[in-house]
Each structure stands twice: as C-alpha cells, then as structure tokens.
Amino acid sequence: MRIMLFVIKFFLLGAFFIIGNQNLALSHAENRQTFVSQYKDWIYDVAGNLNSLTGYVVRVEWLPQTGEEKENVIENVPKYSKIKG
C-alpha cells in the first residue's frame, strides 16, 4: 500500500511541476491539451529511465568473486559491483 501511495504522489508531483513551470491554467482547453501532451512525454521519459535502470541492474555482477577471478582484477578497480561484459 505504501508503494502505491508513493507512486501516486510521484505522478501527482510531476503533474504539479508541469503545471507550475509552464504556468498552465487548466480551465482553458488549450492549456489542458498542452498539459496532457507534456505529461505524456514526461511519463514516457520516466518509463525509459526505468527501463535503462532495470537493464543496468540486470547486468551488474552481484556475486562475490572467487579465488581465480581475484587474480585477474586490476588493483585500481573500485571494490563495488562490476557490470558484466
């Protein structure tokens, strides 16, 4: 339930930012069309970013390295997870 509330608040906050930044009065039909167009574009951007993030998370190597793999590691590489090739 908390996640659903977070999602709803996130999308409402995005809508309020679009309305506020563009100074749209939603009482006019022309402004409503502009809002719907910009809101739709924003949702597509959010979905694309989630897609990129999911792809990145899937490619990350989450398991610790075994003894054989540790020998091949360069010393300057950070200690956090590496992306699979």
C-alpha atoms as a PDB file:
ATOM      1  CA  MET A   1       0.000   0.000   0.000  1.00  0.00           C
ATOM      2  CA  ARG A   2       2.853   2.378   0.803  1.00  0.00           C
ATOM      3  CA  ILE A   3       4.461   1.772  -2.557  1.00  0.00           C
ATOM      4  CA  MET A   4       1.204   2.562  -4.344  1.00  0.00           C
ATOM      5  CA  LEU A   5       0.859   5.809  -2.385  1.00  0.00           C
ATOM      6  CA  PHE A   6       4.452   6.719  -3.279  1.00  0.00           C
ATOM      7  CA  VAL A   7       3.765   6.102  -6.981  1.00  0.00           C
ATOM      8  CA  ILE A   8       0.582   8.178  -6.902  1.00  0.00           C
ATOM      9  CA  LYS A   9       2.350  11.031  -5.087  1.00  0.00           C
ATOM     10  CA  PHE A  10       5.240  10.841  -7.567  1.00  0.00           C
ATOM     11  CA  PHE A  11       2.949  11.207 -10.586  1.00  0.00           C
ATOM     12  CA  LEU A  12       0.889  13.945  -8.945  1.00  0.00           C
ATOM     13  CA  LEU A  13       4.048  15.857  -8.032  1.00  0.00           C
ATOM     14  CA  GLY A  14       5.204  15.564 -11.652  1.00  0.00           C
ATOM     15  CA  ALA A  15       1.858  16.919 -12.831  1.00  0.00           C
ATOM     16  CA  PHE A  16       2.066  19.851 -10.422  1.00  0.00           C
ATOM     17  CA  PHE A  17       5.598  20.662 -11.597  1.00  0.00           C
ATOM     18  CA  ILE A  18       4.468  20.678 -15.235  1.00  0.00           C
ATOM     19  CA  ILE A  19       1.501  22.908 -14.418  1.00  0.00           C
ATOM     20  CA  GLY A  20       3.619  25.270 -12.313  1.00  0.00           C
ATOM     21  CA  ASN A  21       6.623  25.518 -14.615  1.00  0.00           C
ATOM     22  CA  GLN A  22       4.518  26.130 -17.716  1.00  0.00           C
ATOM     23  CA  ASN A  23       2.049  28.457 -15.949  1.00  0.00           C
ATOM     24  CA  LEU A  24      -0.886  26.451 -17.271  1.00  0.00           C
ATOM     25  CA  ALA A  25      -4.419  27.369 -16.239  1.00  0.00           C
ATOM     26  CA  LEU A  26      -6.266  24.098 -16.701  1.00  0.00           C
ATOM     27  CA  SER A  27      -9.589  25.897 -17.054  1.00  0.00           C
ATOM     28  CA  HIS A  28      -8.678  26.582 -20.708  1.00  0.00           C
ATOM     29  CA  ALA A  29      -8.971  23.720 -23.201  1.00  0.00           C
ATOM     30  CA  GLU A  30      -5.772  24.766 -24.986  1.00  0.00           C
ATOM     31  CA  ASN A  31      -3.771  24.563 -21.738  1.00  0.00           C
ATOM     32  CA  ARG A  32      -5.257  21.157 -20.925  1.00  0.00           C
ATOM     33  CA  GLN A  33      -4.094  19.832 -24.294  1.00  0.00           C
ATOM     34  CA  THR A  34      -0.616  21.227 -23.656  1.00  0.00           C
ATOM     35  CA  PHE A  35      -0.582  19.665 -20.193  1.00  0.00           C
ATOM     36  CA  VAL A  36      -1.684  16.236 -21.450  1.00  0.00           C
ATOM     37  CA  SER A  37       0.958  16.311 -24.180  1.00  0.00           C
ATOM     38  CA  GLN A  38       3.772  17.305 -21.821  1.00  0.00           C
ATOM     39  CA  TYR A  39       2.616  14.911 -19.087  1.00  0.00           C
ATOM     40  CA  LYS A  40       2.515  12.036 -21.583  1.00  0.00           C
ATOM     41  CA  ASP A  41       6.032  12.869 -22.766  1.00  0.00           C
ATOM     42  CA  TRP A  42       7.236  13.006 -19.152  1.00  0.00           C
ATOM     43  CA  ILE A  43       5.716   9.603 -18.370  1.00  0.00           C
ATOM     44  CA  TYR A  44       7.436   8.124 -21.454  1.00  0.00           C
ATOM     45  CA  ASP A  45      10.740   9.606 -20.253  1.00  0.00           C
ATOM     46  CA  VAL A  46      10.238   8.120 -16.779  1.00  0.00           C
ATOM     47  CA  ALA A  47       9.435   4.714 -18.291  1.00  0.00           C
ATOM     48  CA  GLY A  48      12.537   4.913 -20.494  1.00  0.00           C
ATOM     49  CA  ASN A  49      14.698   5.775 -17.494  1.00  0.00           C
ATOM     50  CA  LEU A  50      13.221   2.864 -15.528  1.00  0.00           C
ATOM     51  CA  ASN A  51      13.977   0.612 -18.485  1.00  0.00           C
ATOM     52  CA  SER A  52      17.599   1.799 -18.541  1.00  0.00           C
ATOM     53  CA  LEU A  53      17.916   1.381 -14.786  1.00  0.00           C
ATOM     54  CA  THR A  54      16.484  -2.133 -14.915  1.00  0.00           C
ATOM     55  CA  GLY A  55      18.887  -3.062 -17.711  1.00  0.00           C
ATOM     56  CA  TYR A  56      21.804  -1.755 -15.679  1.00  0.00           C
ATOM     57  CA  VAL A  57      20.739  -3.655 -12.555  1.00  0.00           C
ATOM     58  CA  VAL A  58      20.387  -6.878 -14.540  1.00  0.00           C
ATOM     59  CA  ARG A  59      23.901  -6.559 -15.997  1.00  0.00           C
ATOM     60  CA  VAL A  60      25.592  -5.923 -12.648  1.00  0.00           C
ATOM     61  CA  GLU A  61      27.534  -8.874 -11.280  1.00  0.00           C
ATOM     62  CA  TRP A  62      26.138  -9.292  -7.769  1.00  0.00           C
ATOM     63  CA  LEU A  63      28.022 -12.403  -6.598  1.00  0.00           C
ATOM     64  CA  PRO A  64      31.391 -12.118  -4.843  1.00  0.00           C
ATOM     65  CA  GLN A  65      34.493 -13.062  -6.799  1.00  0.00           C
ATOM     66  CA  THR A  66      36.099 -16.475  -6.400  1.00  0.00           C
ATOM     67  CA  GLY A  67      39.829 -17.020  -5.904  1.00  0.00           C
ATOM     68  CA  GLU A  68      40.551 -17.462  -9.643  1.00  0.00           C
ATOM     69  CA  GLU A  69      38.739 -14.271 -10.608  1.00  0.00           C
ATOM     70  CA  LYS A  70      40.512 -12.222  -7.927  1.00  0.00           C
ATOM     71  CA  GLU A  71      43.881 -12.805  -9.595  1.00  0.00           C
ATOM     72  CA  ASN A  72      42.665 -11.106 -12.784  1.00  0.00           C
ATOM     73  CA  VAL A  73      41.363  -7.986 -11.032  1.00  0.00           C
ATOM     74  CA  ILE A  74      43.253  -4.744 -11.580  1.00  0.00           C
ATOM     75  CA  GLU A  75      44.225  -3.111  -8.287  1.00  0.00           C
ATOM     76  CA  ASN A  76      42.828   0.315  -9.245  1.00  0.00           C
ATOM     77  CA  VAL A  77      39.282  -1.005  -9.751  1.00  0.00           C
ATOM     78  CA  PRO A  78      36.788   0.105  -7.087  1.00  0.00           C
ATOM     79  CA  LYS A  79      35.507  -2.598  -4.735  1.00  0.00           C
ATOM     80  CA  TYR A  80      31.813  -2.274  -5.681  1.00  0.00           C
ATOM     81  CA  SER A  81      29.945  -4.493  -8.167  1.00  0.00           C
ATOM     82  CA  LYS A  82      31.122  -4.602 -11.762  1.00  0.00           C
ATOM     83  CA  ILE A  83      28.977  -4.650 -14.877  1.00  0.00           C
ATOM     84  CA  LYS A  84      29.025  -7.881 -16.850  1.00  0.00           C
ATOM     85  CA  GLY A  85      30.524  -7.563 -20.321  1.00  0.00           C
END
